[in-house]
């Protein structure tokens, strides 16, 4: 079983930047598509970004496109999310997740269910 641990969250002013990291132990990430999701109080968990198992393809929610960048370092077994030009509406708990099936890229239309392993989340708060 893989364990995922997010880090890098915190409090930042609007317009600022944060870099989230997701480290895995127990199993490799390198064969799996990875994703970042976020959840705010009273709202459902929403998709933020995904990167293919090969790292060649990325996809973003419209709300973060052009501001966030997802990347992976398979040698270090990590996935990162660089967040720039942060807005108060980006506030929430950010979770990284690993797809259930290797060599399969994520289809956003499927919602969060294809991801079988989740971290505990890291809080991101953007003040106005």
Foldseek 3Di string as FASTA:
>chain_A
DKAKAKDWADEEAAQAKIKMKIAIPDDFQLQWKKFKWWDDPPDDIGGAKIAGSPRPDIDGDPVQPPFKDWGDDRVRRMIMIIGGRDDQVVWGWMKMFTFPDGPDYDDPVVPPVRTDYIYPTDTHGYHD
